[in-house]
Protein backbone atom coordinates (compact mmCIF):
# COMPACT_ATOMS: atom_id res chain seq x y z
CA MET A 1 1.91 -67.39 49.59
CA ALA A 2 4.61 -68.37 47.12
CA ARG A 3 7.21 -70.89 48.31
CA GLY A 4 10.18 -68.38 47.87
CA GLN A 5 8.70 -66.70 50.83
CA ARG A 6 8.70 -69.64 53.39
CA ASN A 7 12.15 -68.77 55.09
CA GLN A 8 14.56 -65.86 54.91
CA GLN A 9 17.60 -68.08 54.09
CA GLY A 10 19.66 -69.22 50.69
CA ASP A 11 18.04 -68.93 47.59
CA GLN A 12 14.74 -69.43 48.00
CA GLN A 13 13.94 -70.93 44.86
CA GLN A 14 16.05 -73.77 44.88
CA ASP A 15 14.02 -75.37 48.09
CA PRO A 16 13.21 -78.79 47.14
CA ILE A 17 9.08 -79.51 46.48
CA ASP A 18 7.88 -82.81 48.08
CA TRP A 19 4.37 -83.72 48.98
CA VAL A 20 4.03 -82.09 52.31
CA THR A 21 5.13 -78.48 50.22
CA ARG A 22 2.04 -79.33 47.87
CA THR A 23 0.04 -80.12 50.11
CA ALA A 24 0.56 -77.30 52.57
CA ASP A 25 0.18 -74.97 49.13
CA LEU A 26 -3.00 -76.32 48.79
CA ALA A 27 -4.28 -75.52 52.01
CA LEU A 28 -2.96 -72.03 52.67
CA ARG A 29 -5.05 -71.57 48.90
CA HIS A 30 -8.44 -72.73 50.44
CA ALA A 31 -8.01 -70.96 54.05
CA GLU A 32 -7.52 -68.07 51.92
CA GLN A 33 -10.78 -68.49 49.44
CA VAL A 34 -12.70 -69.46 52.31
CA HIS A 35 -11.55 -65.98 54.26
CA ALA A 36 -12.08 -64.35 51.50
CA ARG A 37 -15.86 -65.28 51.35
CA SER A 38 -16.68 -64.65 54.73
CA GLY A 39 -15.13 -61.15 54.15
CA GLY A 40 -11.30 -61.31 54.94
CA SER A 41 -10.15 -59.69 51.96
CA GLY A 42 -8.38 -62.96 50.63
CA THR A 43 -5.55 -63.20 53.27
CA LEU A 44 -4.94 -65.73 55.65
CA PRO A 45 -7.22 -66.16 58.63
CA GLU A 46 -5.48 -65.37 62.10
CA LEU A 47 -5.06 -69.25 62.83
CA VAL A 48 -5.12 -71.65 60.20
CA THR A 49 -6.56 -74.95 61.24
CA CYS A 50 -5.51 -78.24 60.48
CA ALA A 51 -7.61 -81.44 61.83
CA SER A 52 -7.33 -85.01 62.54
CA GLY A 53 -9.62 -87.27 64.41
CA ILE A 54 -9.40 -91.37 65.51
CA SER A 55 -12.13 -93.30 67.63
CA PRO A 56 -10.22 -94.59 70.23
CA SER A 57 -11.95 -98.36 69.86
CA GLY A 58 -9.11 -100.12 70.43
CA PRO A 59 -5.21 -100.37 69.59
CA ILE A 60 -4.41 -97.08 67.35
CA HIS A 61 -1.98 -99.09 64.98
CA LEU A 62 0.72 -97.67 61.99
CA GLY A 63 -2.27 -97.25 59.74
CA ASN A 64 -4.19 -94.81 61.99
CA LEU A 65 -0.79 -92.99 62.68
CA ARG A 66 -0.86 -92.02 59.16
CA GLU A 67 -3.94 -89.61 60.16
CA PHE A 68 -2.01 -88.00 62.85
CA LEU A 69 1.46 -87.82 61.09
CA THR A 70 -0.07 -86.02 57.71
CA VAL A 71 -2.01 -83.19 59.58
CA HIS A 72 1.44 -82.71 61.77
CA PHE A 73 3.78 -82.45 58.89
CA VAL A 74 1.31 -80.03 56.76
CA ALA A 75 0.92 -78.04 60.15
CA GLU A 76 4.73 -78.07 60.46
CA GLU A 77 5.45 -77.00 56.81
CA ILE A 78 2.88 -74.01 57.32
CA ARG A 79 4.48 -72.91 60.96
CA ARG A 80 8.17 -73.10 59.36
CA ARG A 81 6.45 -70.27 56.66
CA GLY A 82 5.60 -68.11 59.76
CA ILE A 83 2.14 -68.57 59.62
CA ALA A 84 0.01 -69.58 62.81
CA VAL A 85 -1.31 -72.92 62.63
CA ARG A 86 -2.86 -74.99 64.67
CA HIS A 87 -3.02 -79.30 64.92
CA LEU A 88 -6.46 -80.20 65.94
CA HIS A 89 -7.19 -83.36 66.96
CA SER A 90 -10.34 -84.97 67.90
CA TRP A 91 -11.23 -87.91 70.02
CA ASP A 92 -14.11 -89.65 68.63
CA ASP A 93 -14.78 -91.35 72.11
CA TYR A 94 -18.51 -90.66 71.68
CA ASP A 95 -18.88 -93.33 68.86
CA ARG A 96 -20.50 -96.27 70.26
CA PHE A 97 -18.35 -99.43 71.37
CA ARG A 98 -19.24 -101.93 68.40
CA LYS A 99 -17.55 -105.48 69.42
CA VAL A 100 -15.63 -106.80 71.90
CA PRO A 101 -12.09 -108.09 70.45
CA ALA A 102 -10.80 -111.26 71.17
CA GLY A 103 -8.77 -111.90 74.80
CA ILE A 104 -11.48 -109.31 76.64
CA ASP A 105 -14.15 -110.77 78.81
CA THR A 106 -17.13 -111.60 76.94
CA ALA A 107 -19.37 -109.92 79.47
CA TRP A 108 -18.17 -106.78 78.04
CA ASN A 109 -20.70 -107.44 75.30
CA GLU A 110 -23.11 -106.19 78.04
CA HIS A 111 -21.64 -103.13 76.88
CA ILE A 112 -21.94 -102.97 73.26
CA GLY A 113 -23.81 -99.56 71.88
CA ARG A 114 -22.25 -97.01 74.97
CA PRO A 115 -19.79 -94.50 74.19
CA LEU A 116 -16.49 -95.40 74.32
CA SER A 117 -16.16 -93.16 77.10
CA ALA A 118 -18.82 -94.94 79.15
CA VAL A 119 -17.17 -97.95 78.91
CA PRO A 120 -14.97 -99.73 81.53
CA ASP A 121 -11.22 -100.32 81.17
CA PRO A 122 -11.09 -104.11 81.35
CA THR A 123 -7.81 -103.60 83.29
CA GLY A 124 -9.02 -100.67 85.54
CA GLU A 125 -6.26 -98.76 84.99
CA PHE A 126 -7.74 -96.03 82.88
CA ALA A 127 -11.18 -94.09 83.36
CA ASN A 128 -12.97 -95.60 80.51
CA TRP A 129 -12.10 -97.84 77.10
CA GLY A 130 -11.49 -94.82 75.37
CA GLU A 131 -8.78 -93.68 77.86
CA ARG A 132 -6.93 -97.06 77.81
CA TYR A 133 -6.37 -96.67 73.87
CA LYS A 134 -5.59 -93.29 73.91
CA ALA A 135 -2.74 -93.37 76.53
CA PRO A 136 -0.02 -95.14 74.87
CA LEU A 137 -0.47 -93.14 71.52
CA ARG A 138 -0.45 -90.31 73.03
CA ALA A 139 3.24 -91.07 74.86
CA ALA A 140 4.17 -92.09 70.84
CA LEU A 141 3.49 -88.92 69.71
CA VAL A 142 5.41 -87.06 72.78
CA GLU A 143 8.42 -89.50 71.51
CA MET A 144 7.39 -88.39 68.37
CA GLY A 145 7.41 -84.91 68.68
CA CYS A 146 4.08 -84.43 67.88
CA ASP A 147 2.15 -81.60 69.47
CA MET A 148 -1.47 -81.44 69.08
CA VAL A 149 -4.51 -79.75 70.68
CA GLU A 150 -6.95 -82.34 72.04
CA VAL A 151 -10.73 -82.26 71.72
CA ASP A 152 -12.47 -84.86 73.55
CA GLN A 153 -16.11 -85.54 71.58
CA THR A 154 -17.25 -86.65 74.67
CA ALA A 155 -17.09 -83.41 76.56
CA MET A 156 -18.17 -81.62 73.57
CA TYR A 157 -21.52 -83.17 72.86
CA ARG A 158 -22.71 -83.53 76.49
CA SER A 159 -21.67 -79.80 77.63
CA GLY A 160 -23.87 -79.05 74.95
CA ALA A 161 -21.21 -77.37 72.88
CA TYR A 162 -22.93 -78.43 69.80
CA ARG A 163 -26.74 -77.87 70.81
CA GLU A 164 -27.50 -75.34 68.18
CA GLN A 165 -25.67 -77.01 65.61
CA VAL A 166 -27.48 -80.18 66.47
CA LEU A 167 -31.02 -78.21 66.59
CA THR A 168 -29.63 -76.90 62.94
CA ALA A 169 -29.24 -80.44 61.62
CA ILE A 170 -32.87 -81.23 62.68
CA ARG A 171 -34.54 -78.49 61.30
CA LYS A 172 -32.88 -79.04 57.85
CA ARG A 173 -33.06 -82.55 57.95
CA GLY A 174 -35.08 -82.60 54.73
CA LYS A 175 -32.45 -80.97 52.81
CA ILE A 176 -29.99 -83.62 54.01
CA GLU A 177 -31.59 -86.83 53.31
CA THR A 178 -32.46 -85.22 49.71
CA VAL A 179 -28.18 -85.04 50.37
CA MET A 180 -28.19 -88.38 51.58
CA SER A 181 -30.69 -90.24 48.81
CA ARG A 182 -28.63 -88.91 45.74
CA PHE A 183 -25.46 -91.61 47.17
CA ARG A 184 -27.91 -93.95 48.40
CA THR A 185 -28.45 -97.38 46.49
CA LYS A 186 -32.15 -97.13 45.43
CA LYS A 187 -33.84 -100.30 46.21
CA ALA A 188 -37.55 -99.39 44.53
CA ASP A 189 -37.17 -99.88 40.55
CA GLY A 190 -33.44 -99.20 40.70
CA VAL A 191 -34.28 -95.56 40.03
CA GLU A 192 -31.54 -93.08 41.06
CA GLY A 193 -32.72 -90.14 43.07
CA ALA A 194 -36.75 -91.70 43.92
CA GLY A 195 -37.94 -89.95 46.53
CA GLU A 196 -35.82 -86.81 46.76
CA THR A 197 -38.31 -84.20 46.93
CA SER A 198 -40.92 -85.95 48.96
CA ALA A 199 -38.47 -86.25 51.94
CA GLU A 200 -37.99 -82.63 52.24
CA GLU A 201 -41.38 -81.86 51.59
CA GLU A 202 -42.45 -84.40 54.74
CA SER A 203 -40.25 -83.03 57.26
CA GLU A 204 -41.18 -79.11 56.08
CA HIS A 205 -44.78 -79.21 56.30
CA GLY A 206 -44.51 -81.83 59.51
CA SER A 207 -45.84 -84.77 57.50
CA THR A 208 -45.18 -88.21 58.32
CA GLU A 209 -41.52 -88.97 58.47
CA ASP A 210 -39.13 -91.80 58.21
CA LEU A 211 -37.33 -91.27 62.03
CA ALA A 212 -34.98 -94.47 60.94
CA ARG A 213 -33.44 -91.68 59.04
CA PHE A 214 -33.24 -89.01 61.56
CA PRO A 215 -29.85 -87.14 61.56
CA TYR A 216 -29.49 -87.33 65.24
CA LYS A 217 -29.53 -90.25 67.69
CA PRO A 218 -29.68 -90.17 71.10
CA TYR A 219 -28.19 -92.73 73.77
CA CYS A 220 -30.86 -94.55 76.16
CA ARG A 221 -31.18 -92.25 79.49
CA GLY A 222 -31.89 -96.15 81.00
CA CYS A 223 -29.32 -98.34 79.62
CA GLY A 224 -27.11 -95.61 78.08
CA ARG A 225 -26.94 -97.78 74.71
CA ASP A 226 -28.10 -96.38 70.97
CA THR A 227 -29.74 -99.32 70.69
CA VAL A 228 -33.00 -96.85 70.26
CA THR A 229 -35.71 -96.75 68.02
CA LEU A 230 -36.91 -93.28 67.19
CA THR A 231 -40.98 -93.09 67.39
CA SER A 232 -41.56 -88.81 67.58
CA TYR A 233 -40.35 -85.72 66.97
CA ASP A 234 -41.98 -82.40 68.09
CA ASP A 235 -40.64 -79.76 65.78
CA ALA A 236 -42.15 -76.98 67.93
CA THR A 237 -40.98 -78.57 71.33
CA THR A 238 -38.19 -80.40 69.99
CA ASP A 239 -39.20 -83.18 71.97
CA LEU A 240 -37.47 -86.56 70.60
CA ALA A 241 -39.09 -90.09 72.15
CA TYR A 242 -37.88 -93.19 71.69
CA THR A 243 -37.95 -96.65 72.99
CA CYS A 244 -34.89 -98.49 73.40
CA ASP A 245 -34.74 -102.21 71.53
CA VAL A 246 -32.53 -103.40 74.34
CA CYS A 247 -33.95 -102.64 78.01
CA GLY A 248 -37.64 -102.03 76.45
CA ASP A 249 -37.71 -98.87 78.24
CA SER A 250 -39.25 -95.65 76.25
CA TYR A 251 -37.88 -91.74 77.11
CA VAL A 252 -38.22 -88.28 75.53
CA THR A 253 -35.12 -86.03 75.24
CA ASN A 254 -35.86 -82.62 74.59
CA VAL A 255 -32.63 -81.14 72.25
CA ALA A 256 -32.71 -77.94 73.04
CA THR A 257 -32.02 -78.30 76.55
CA GLN A 258 -30.93 -82.11 76.91
CA ASP A 259 -27.75 -83.42 75.49
CA GLU A 260 -27.98 -86.71 75.31
CA GLY A 261 -26.83 -88.21 71.99
CA LYS A 262 -24.96 -87.28 68.97
CA LEU A 263 -25.47 -86.71 65.47
CA VAL A 264 -24.62 -89.31 62.89
CA TRP A 265 -21.57 -89.34 61.26
CA LYS A 266 -21.83 -87.98 57.67
CA VAL A 267 -23.48 -85.20 59.34
CA ASP A 268 -21.40 -84.61 62.62
CA TRP A 269 -18.10 -84.29 60.30
CA PRO A 270 -19.42 -81.26 58.09
CA MET A 271 -20.75 -79.82 61.57
CA ARG A 272 -17.29 -80.26 63.05
CA TRP A 273 -15.69 -78.55 60.12
CA THR A 274 -18.00 -75.13 60.29
CA PHE A 275 -17.83 -75.58 64.23
CA GLU A 276 -13.86 -75.86 64.41
CA GLY A 277 -13.03 -73.81 61.08
CA VAL A 278 -11.02 -76.61 59.49
CA HIS A 279 -8.84 -75.95 56.70
CA PHE A 280 -7.07 -79.06 56.44
CA GLU A 281 -8.01 -82.37 57.26
CA PRO A 282 -6.72 -85.89 55.58
CA GLY A 283 -8.55 -89.44 55.35
CA GLY A 284 -8.27 -92.84 54.41
CA VAL A 285 -8.94 -92.92 50.90
CA ASP A 286 -12.19 -94.57 51.01
CA HIS A 287 -13.70 -91.33 52.69
CA ALA A 288 -13.08 -89.66 49.06
CA SER A 289 -15.13 -92.31 47.29
CA PRO A 290 -18.59 -91.90 45.90
CA GLY A 291 -21.23 -91.84 48.94
CA SER A 292 -18.53 -91.76 51.33
CA SER A 293 -17.92 -89.28 54.72
CA TYR A 294 -16.24 -86.40 52.58
CA THR A 295 -18.43 -86.72 49.43
CA VAL A 296 -21.42 -86.51 51.18
CA GLY A 297 -20.15 -83.94 54.12
CA LYS A 298 -18.88 -81.77 51.30
CA GLU A 299 -22.31 -81.49 49.98
CA LEU A 300 -23.94 -80.73 53.23
CA VAL A 301 -21.42 -78.38 55.33
CA GLY A 302 -22.54 -75.14 53.04
CA PRO A 303 -26.27 -75.63 52.73
CA ILE A 304 -26.96 -77.03 56.41
CA PHE A 305 -24.16 -74.90 58.03
CA GLY A 306 -22.98 -72.23 56.04
CA GLY A 307 -19.48 -73.59 56.20
CA SER A 308 -16.64 -75.17 53.59
CA ALA A 309 -15.59 -78.41 53.33
CA PRO A 310 -11.28 -78.47 54.15
CA SER A 311 -9.02 -78.92 51.40
CA PHE A 312 -8.19 -82.74 51.54
CA VAL A 313 -5.88 -85.53 51.19
CA GLY A 314 -6.62 -89.12 50.98
CA TYR A 315 -4.24 -91.36 52.62
CA SER A 316 -3.75 -95.48 51.95
CA PHE A 317 -3.17 -98.38 53.54
CA VAL A 318 -0.35 -99.20 56.19
CA GLY A 319 0.88 -102.57 56.61
CA VAL A 320 2.69 -104.45 58.69
CA ALA A 321 5.30 -107.84 58.08
CA GLY A 322 7.66 -109.51 59.84
CA MET A 323 5.88 -109.73 63.06
CA PRO A 324 5.29 -113.05 63.80
CA LYS A 325 6.31 -113.44 67.54
CA MET A 326 4.29 -110.01 68.27
CA SER A 327 1.04 -110.90 66.13
CA SER A 328 0.72 -114.43 67.88
CA SER A 329 1.74 -113.53 71.23
CA LYS A 330 -0.37 -110.64 71.23
CA GLY A 331 -3.23 -111.49 68.97
CA GLY A 332 -3.20 -107.42 68.61
CA VAL A 333 -2.07 -104.67 65.93
CA PRO A 334 0.62 -102.95 65.49
CA THR A 335 1.10 -99.89 67.26
CA ALA A 336 3.49 -96.70 67.26
CA ALA A 337 4.88 -97.54 70.60
CA GLU A 338 5.61 -101.07 69.52
CA ALA A 339 7.47 -99.82 66.22
CA LEU A 340 9.33 -97.32 68.70
CA ARG A 341 10.35 -100.10 70.55
CA ILE A 342 12.79 -100.75 67.58
CA LEU A 343 13.13 -97.54 65.52
CA GLU A 344 14.64 -94.61 66.35
CA ALA A 345 11.79 -91.61 66.31
CA PRO A 346 13.14 -90.05 63.32
CA ILE A 347 13.02 -93.12 61.33
CA LEU A 348 9.74 -93.55 62.10
CA ARG A 349 8.46 -90.31 61.21
CA TRP A 350 11.01 -90.52 57.85
CA LEU A 351 8.67 -94.04 56.92
CA TYR A 352 5.58 -91.48 56.48
CA ALA A 353 7.30 -88.37 55.60
CA ARG A 354 9.04 -89.98 52.41
CA ARG A 355 5.86 -91.52 50.68
CA GLN A 356 3.28 -89.58 49.36
CA PRO A 357 -0.20 -90.38 51.05
CA LYS A 358 -1.71 -92.19 48.13
CA GLN A 359 1.38 -94.14 48.54
CA ALA A 360 0.74 -98.02 50.28
CA PHE A 361 3.81 -99.27 52.51
CA ASN A 362 4.46 -102.12 54.90
CA VAL A 363 6.39 -101.52 58.33
CA ASP A 364 8.53 -104.26 58.17
CA PHE A 365 9.73 -105.76 61.70
CA GLY A 366 12.16 -108.42 60.45
CA GLN A 367 15.22 -108.22 58.66
CA GLU A 368 14.13 -105.36 56.63
CA VAL A 369 14.98 -103.31 59.56
CA LEU A 370 18.28 -103.44 59.07
CA ARG A 371 18.38 -102.39 55.60
CA LEU A 372 16.44 -99.20 56.75
CA TYR A 373 19.18 -98.32 59.38
CA ASP A 374 21.48 -98.57 56.92
CA GLU A 375 19.28 -96.43 54.58
CA TRP A 376 19.16 -93.86 57.08
CA ASP A 377 22.42 -93.45 58.57
CA ALA A 378 23.35 -93.31 54.66
CA LEU A 379 20.83 -90.37 54.06
CA THR A 380 22.11 -88.51 57.21
CA LYS A 381 25.70 -88.38 55.57
CA LYS A 382 24.17 -87.11 52.51
CA ALA A 383 22.09 -84.58 54.24
CA ALA A 384 25.71 -83.01 56.20
CA VAL A 385 26.42 -82.18 52.77
CA PRO A 386 24.23 -78.58 51.70
CA GLU A 387 24.96 -79.19 47.75
CA LYS A 388 23.17 -82.23 48.11
CA ARG A 389 19.73 -81.14 49.45
CA ASP A 390 17.07 -82.51 47.35
CA ALA A 391 13.85 -83.99 48.58
CA ALA A 392 15.47 -86.99 49.77
CA VAL A 393 16.80 -84.60 52.58
CA LEU A 394 14.28 -82.62 52.67
CA ALA A 395 12.23 -85.62 54.29
CA TRP A 396 15.08 -86.28 56.58
CA GLU A 397 14.66 -82.93 57.58
CA ARG A 398 11.05 -82.98 58.31
CA ALA A 399 11.14 -86.68 59.76
CA SER A 400 14.65 -85.41 62.38
CA ALA A 401 13.16 -82.26 64.25
CA THR A 402 9.83 -80.47 64.85
CA SER A 403 9.28 -76.96 65.68
CA THR A 404 8.39 -77.48 69.67
CA ALA A 405 10.54 -80.43 70.22
CA GLY A 406 13.53 -79.39 68.24
CA THR A 407 16.00 -82.07 67.28
CA LEU A 408 14.95 -85.46 68.20
CA PRO A 409 17.18 -87.92 69.80
CA THR A 410 19.77 -89.86 67.82
CA PRO A 411 22.69 -91.44 69.17
CA ALA A 412 25.93 -88.86 69.93
CA VAL A 413 28.20 -92.07 68.29
CA VAL A 414 26.46 -93.84 65.19
CA VAL A 415 27.22 -97.56 65.04
CA PRO A 416 25.60 -99.49 62.73
CA PHE A 417 22.32 -101.19 63.82
CA ARG A 418 23.20 -104.43 62.27
CA MET A 419 26.62 -104.41 64.07
CA LEU A 420 24.61 -103.30 67.54
CA SER A 421 21.92 -106.43 66.73
CA SER A 422 24.61 -108.73 66.08
CA VAL A 423 26.94 -108.24 69.08
CA ALA A 424 23.62 -108.09 71.27
CA ASP A 425 23.00 -111.65 69.86
CA VAL A 426 25.43 -113.29 71.05
CA THR A 427 25.64 -111.38 74.37
CA ALA A 428 22.54 -112.15 75.57
CA GLY A 429 21.57 -108.59 74.71
CA SER A 430 23.95 -107.25 77.31
CA ARG A 431 24.11 -103.05 76.85
CA GLU A 432 27.52 -103.31 78.68
CA ILE A 433 29.57 -105.68 76.85
CA THR A 434 27.55 -104.60 73.05
CA ALA A 435 28.69 -101.03 73.89
CA ARG A 436 32.46 -101.87 75.25
CA THR A 437 32.26 -104.01 72.10
CA VAL A 438 32.09 -101.38 69.53
CA GLY A 439 34.02 -99.31 71.52
CA ALA A 440 31.69 -96.74 72.54
CA SER A 441 29.46 -95.54 75.84
CA GLU A 442 26.28 -96.67 76.33
CA ALA A 443 25.11 -93.08 76.44
CA ASP A 444 26.56 -92.23 73.36
CA LEU A 445 25.05 -95.09 71.43
CA GLU A 446 20.99 -94.64 73.12
CA PRO A 447 18.61 -94.56 71.89
CA ARG A 448 19.78 -97.46 69.30
CA LEU A 449 21.70 -99.52 71.42
CA SER A 450 18.13 -100.55 73.62
CA LYS A 451 16.48 -100.80 70.10
CA ALA A 452 18.59 -102.97 68.55
CA ALA A 453 18.83 -105.74 71.91
CA THR A 454 15.12 -105.04 71.78
CA TRP A 455 14.88 -106.23 68.16
CA ILE A 456 16.76 -109.31 69.14
CA GLU A 457 15.44 -110.47 72.06
CA SER A 458 12.01 -109.78 70.89
CA TYR A 459 11.46 -109.60 67.01
CA VAL A 460 14.08 -112.39 65.70
CA ASP A 461 12.56 -115.73 65.68
CA PRO A 462 14.88 -117.91 67.88
CA GLU A 463 15.72 -120.55 65.49
CA ASP A 464 17.35 -117.16 63.77
CA ARG A 465 19.20 -116.35 67.03
CA THR A 466 22.65 -117.41 67.48
CA THR A 467 23.64 -119.56 70.23
CA VAL A 468 27.53 -119.54 71.31
CA ARG A 469 28.79 -122.99 72.16
CA ASP A 470 28.84 -123.77 76.01
CA SER A 471 31.68 -125.88 75.36
CA ILE A 472 34.70 -127.09 73.09
CA ASP A 473 33.59 -129.37 70.01
CA ALA A 474 36.29 -132.22 70.74
CA GLN A 475 35.45 -134.11 68.14
CA ARG A 476 34.82 -132.20 65.07
CA LEU A 477 38.47 -130.28 66.12
CA GLY A 478 39.55 -133.86 66.43
CA SER A 479 38.99 -134.79 62.85
CA LEU A 480 40.72 -131.82 61.29
CA SER A 481 42.08 -131.81 57.94
CA ASP A 482 45.60 -130.46 57.84
CA GLN A 483 44.86 -127.10 55.68
CA GLU A 484 41.85 -127.02 58.45
CA SER A 485 44.54 -127.10 61.46
CA LEU A 486 46.57 -125.20 59.62
CA TRP A 487 44.05 -122.23 59.23
CA ILE A 488 43.04 -122.81 63.18
CA GLY A 489 46.71 -122.69 64.61
CA LEU A 490 47.66 -119.45 61.98
CA LEU A 491 44.52 -117.93 63.39
CA VAL A 492 44.96 -118.30 67.34
CA LYS A 493 48.38 -117.26 67.27
CA ARG A 494 47.83 -114.00 65.88
CA LEU A 495 44.45 -113.47 68.04
CA ALA A 496 46.21 -111.97 71.31
CA ALA A 497 47.74 -109.07 68.95
CA ALA A 498 44.13 -108.60 67.17
CA TYR A 499 42.58 -108.05 70.49
CA GLY A 500 45.12 -106.02 71.81
CA ALA A 501 45.23 -103.32 69.33
CA ASP A 502 43.28 -99.63 69.66
CA ASP A 503 41.19 -100.48 66.44
CA GLN A 504 40.44 -104.15 67.50
CA LEU A 505 37.75 -104.97 65.25
CA ASP A 506 39.65 -103.72 62.23
CA MET A 507 42.73 -105.94 63.51
CA LEU A 508 39.87 -108.87 63.73
CA THR A 509 38.89 -108.72 60.32
CA THR A 510 42.42 -108.25 58.94
CA VAL A 511 43.46 -111.32 60.89
CA ILE A 512 40.26 -113.28 59.92
CA TYR A 513 40.70 -112.62 56.56
CA GLY A 514 44.06 -112.72 56.15
CA VAL A 515 44.93 -116.35 57.59
CA PRO A 516 43.98 -117.97 53.94
CA LYS A 517 46.36 -115.46 52.55
CA ILE A 518 49.44 -116.52 54.78
CA ALA A 519 48.51 -119.95 54.44
CA ARG A 520 49.12 -119.37 50.59
CA GLY A 521 52.39 -117.62 51.40
CA LEU A 522 50.96 -114.44 50.61
CA THR A 523 51.03 -111.57 53.08
CA LEU A 524 48.05 -109.52 55.03
CA ALA A 525 48.23 -106.57 52.74
CA ASP A 526 47.97 -108.58 49.52
CA ALA A 527 44.79 -108.74 47.51
CA PRO A 528 42.73 -111.98 47.55
CA THR A 529 43.75 -114.54 44.71
CA ASP A 530 40.58 -116.99 43.52
CA GLU A 531 41.89 -119.90 45.62
CA VAL A 532 42.64 -117.44 49.08
CA LYS A 533 38.62 -116.75 48.18
CA ALA A 534 37.44 -119.87 48.14
CA ASP A 535 39.88 -120.97 51.01
CA GLN A 536 38.21 -118.09 53.02
CA LYS A 537 34.57 -118.91 52.36
CA ALA A 538 35.58 -122.49 53.89
CA PHE A 539 37.39 -120.90 56.42
CA PHE A 540 34.65 -118.98 57.89
CA LYS A 541 32.32 -121.88 57.32
CA LEU A 542 34.49 -124.21 59.84
CA LEU A 543 34.29 -120.99 62.38
CA TYR A 544 31.00 -121.02 62.40
CA GLU A 545 30.85 -124.57 62.94
CA LEU A 546 33.18 -124.47 65.76
CA LEU A 547 31.99 -121.34 67.67
CA VAL A 548 28.03 -121.74 66.97
CA ALA A 549 27.24 -124.78 65.84
CA ALA A 550 26.18 -123.02 62.39
CA GLU A 551 27.19 -122.95 58.58
CA ARG A 552 26.62 -119.11 59.23
CA GLY A 553 26.14 -116.27 62.05
CA PRO A 554 27.03 -112.67 62.70
CA ARG A 555 30.17 -111.20 60.64
CA LEU A 556 32.64 -112.69 62.23
CA PRO A 557 34.70 -109.78 63.65
CA THR A 558 32.21 -108.86 65.55
CA LEU A 559 31.28 -112.37 66.72
CA PHE A 560 35.02 -112.47 68.00
CA ALA A 561 34.76 -109.15 69.32
CA ALA A 562 31.45 -109.82 71.42
CA LEU A 563 32.60 -112.98 72.80
CA GLY A 564 36.41 -111.77 73.38
CA HIS A 565 39.87 -113.47 73.62
CA ASP A 566 39.62 -116.22 76.04
CA LYS A 567 35.83 -117.51 75.17
CA VAL A 568 37.04 -117.62 71.24
CA ARG A 569 40.04 -119.49 72.49
CA SER A 570 38.51 -122.02 74.54
CA LEU A 571 36.12 -122.52 71.53
CA LEU A 572 39.53 -123.51 69.09
CA VAL A 573 42.30 -124.93 71.21
CA PRO A 574 41.98 -128.09 72.56
């Protein structure tokens, strides 16, 4: 479908183009080709499937979030074109529990090798280990307006939904090994491709085979672990025998009637592409390297399962900066839920929408948050002007709304995040005082108001916080120079009128910056001379010293507004 046909309003040829547009184009072209090969006359299938998947083995961090959002944005673009599409997400909770993370009772070593869905949640709050990590991600996705169809892989395997596919993979295990061996590093003589034919011949003729490379692995019926050594397989009966290396018991599972295991990953993924009819699915860039999951799966999906590999895009690393407090106290990785404590949902989405998947980037929880909000607010103003619509504005649009949730929450009254956080800093995070200081209601400032307070309280190091003096610095006031005394006197004389003005912040700014002008014989409206600028610098330093016992701090008009007239006067007048 041509990009000009995406909607019915405006000059469609002028629509900006970004990575989402291009990726959706490729996904739809691929869907048409696959549908045509199945007799669909080159048209799109009734439903386009964009898939994501992740193993909920631990906190689902901001790097993992790229898996979800890449699919989400592409599916949203396809839906915007009037095409039926679904975002299908697989929870790979039938994967094995690999290790006990720091902070968890070492008794959980007992569960290594069991499916994530069979490992108890240490807190007892959730049904199992996997559900413990699905829950916060689900909540974060709801806040970000992401809608998806969830597939539980434990349920799929245990229900027998994949039984025929499993049997197919086992029957064609020789062909699977032939493909696998092409990508496997050879140890014998360093000869590439050695033994390829014999592997296939062995399985097809019933000869002795290497069951260590069997495409299916059961979980032990006795202890539930995948720590098993396969001992035999009977093609006629589909009986698979094994001995558990941990509990020592031996069992026979009938693959055609009992659902006690799963395909190995590089076979499992192409199986699901065919079973689910996947047209687009991204993955980390490592998945597309030689011998990796996508490369091998692409070779297996047709010969083994009769399907096609989906259109693929590799995404790069997402790192985190500016989180010393969270990292040290929680010992974990930053999640979407953590990011949403300080970032409005559209802004978090925008971090991913504005960059091509191949671009690595960091999410900074430190001072960079201030710049990020400023940049977002500037882009929001630009987006309000139709003539300025470009790729940057398109990323803003993708971040700001979804087809299912509509426009995502933003403040009714937009006050710069740096101002809100500065006021919250000197008012101990009081939302009521912060709202009053900036002249708006708490409701109109949300959700930004709460996020600013949270950022100051939880993500700014204590030594970088502003501490207002409890009492007057009598010693410093007693040692003021004549010029300093003049400045303080001029300021105190004008404070009452400034605080009583309707435009309080503007008047405080005028007075604070104007005192050195008046001291030099100028008026408040006069432009500052070089001498006045030097005086302003010294005056501001003095005020910080008297108010917060530091050489610098929040912007002075904001600090004055937050403290109020009585508090400021009590620290400046003996």
